[in-house]
C-alpha atoms as a PDB file:
ATOM      1  CA  MET A   1      95.794  91.718 136.792  1.00  0.00           C
ATOM      2  CA  SER A   2      92.462  91.548 135.045  1.00  0.00           C
ATOM      3  CA  ASP A   3      91.496  88.768 132.650  1.00  0.00           C
ATOM      4  CA  HIS A   4      91.735  91.258 129.779  1.00  0.00           C
ATOM      5  CA  GLN A   5      95.350  92.119 130.660  1.00  0.00           C
ATOM      6  CA  ILE A   6      96.325  88.468 131.069  1.00  0.00           C
ATOM      7  CA  ASN A   7      94.800  87.573 127.686  1.00  0.00           C
ATOM      8  CA  PHE A   8      96.565  90.501 126.042  1.00  0.00           C
ATOM      9  CA  LEU A   9      99.882  89.451 127.599  1.00  0.00           C
ATOM     10  CA  GLY A  10      99.362  85.886 126.379  1.00  0.00           C
ATOM     11  CA  TRP A  11      98.723  86.999 122.814  1.00  0.00           C
ATOM     12  CA  GLY A  12     101.745  89.300 122.998  1.00  0.00           C
ATOM     13  CA  LEU A  13     103.899  86.326 123.972  1.00  0.00           C
ATOM     14  CA  PHE A  14     102.432  84.337 121.079  1.00  0.00           C
ATOM     15  CA  LEU A  15     103.429  87.200 118.754  1.00  0.00           C
ATOM     16  CA  VAL A  16     106.987  87.133 120.061  1.00  0.00           C
ATOM     17  CA  SER A  17     107.188  83.373 119.506  1.00  0.00           C
ATOM     18  CA  ALA A  18     105.716  83.740 115.995  1.00  0.00           C
ATOM     19  CA  VAL A  19     108.409  86.270 115.094  1.00  0.00           C
ATOM     20  CA  GLY A  20     111.028  83.873 116.509  1.00  0.00           C
ATOM     21  CA  PHE A  21     109.657  81.042 114.382  1.00  0.00           C
ATOM     22  CA  CYS A  22     109.780  83.282 111.300  1.00  0.00           C
ATOM     23  CA  ILE A  23     113.419  84.158 111.980  1.00  0.00           C
ATOM     24  CA  ALA A  24     114.332  80.515 112.632  1.00  0.00           C
ATOM     25  CA  SER A  25     112.657  79.343 109.431  1.00  0.00           C
ATOM     26  CA  ILE A  26     114.498  81.662 107.038  1.00  0.00           C
ATOM     27  CA  GLY A  27     115.555  79.599 104.045  1.00  0.00           C
ATOM     28  CA  HIS A  28     112.970  76.855 104.581  1.00  0.00           C
ATOM     29  CA  PHE A  29     109.863  77.494 102.485  1.00  0.00           C
ATOM     30  CA  TRP A  30     107.296  75.327 104.287  1.00  0.00           C
ATOM     31  CA  ALA A  31     108.502  76.305 107.740  1.00  0.00           C
ATOM     32  CA  MET A  32     108.308  79.990 106.767  1.00  0.00           C
ATOM     33  CA  PHE A  33     104.856  79.397 105.248  1.00  0.00           C
ATOM     34  CA  GLY A  34     103.570  77.985 108.556  1.00  0.00           C
ATOM     35  CA  SER A  35     105.326  80.609 110.638  1.00  0.00           C
ATOM     36  CA  VAL A  36     103.836  83.492 108.684  1.00  0.00           C
ATOM     37  CA  PHE A  37     100.327  82.055 108.985  1.00  0.00           C
ATOM     38  CA  PHE A  38     100.859  81.599 112.731  1.00  0.00           C
ATOM     39  CA  LEU A  39     101.945  85.247 112.978  1.00  0.00           C
ATOM     40  CA  VAL A  40      98.939  86.451 110.978  1.00  0.00           C
ATOM     41  CA  ALA A  41      96.572  84.338 113.099  1.00  0.00           C
ATOM     42  CA  CYS A  42      97.986  85.865 116.290  1.00  0.00           C
ATOM     43  CA  LEU A  43      97.488  89.351 114.859  1.00  0.00           C
ATOM     44  CA  VAL A  44      93.889  88.534 113.888  1.00  0.00           C
ATOM     45  CA  PHE A  45      93.141  87.320 117.415  1.00  0.00           C
ATOM     46  CA  MET A  46      94.507  90.612 118.799  1.00  0.00           C
ATOM     47  CA  ILE A  47      92.151  92.816 116.735  1.00  0.00           C
ATOM     48  CA  PRO A  48      89.518  93.010 119.520  1.00  0.00           C
ATOM     49  CA  TYR A  49      92.106  94.509 121.891  1.00  0.00           C
ATOM     50  CA  PHE A  50      92.602  97.511 119.606  1.00  0.00           C
ATOM     51  CA  ARG A  51      88.971  98.201 118.705  1.00  0.00           C
ATOM     52  CA  SER A  52      87.092 100.845 120.585  1.00  0.00           C
ATOM     53  CA  PRO A  53      84.375  99.392 122.821  1.00  0.00           C
ATOM     54  CA  SER A  54      80.901  99.801 121.377  1.00  0.00           C
END
């Protein structure tokens, strides 16, 4: 596997864990607040993987 594929896999696993944290924190405002920001941060870090190379 290339470094690019390994990094993409790692961020994918972070996304799965972020969704799990969101589900686990239902009903707890501050936990949900942190979980959603973690999910958004993971998505932001994945933006380069979906851009076309320039």
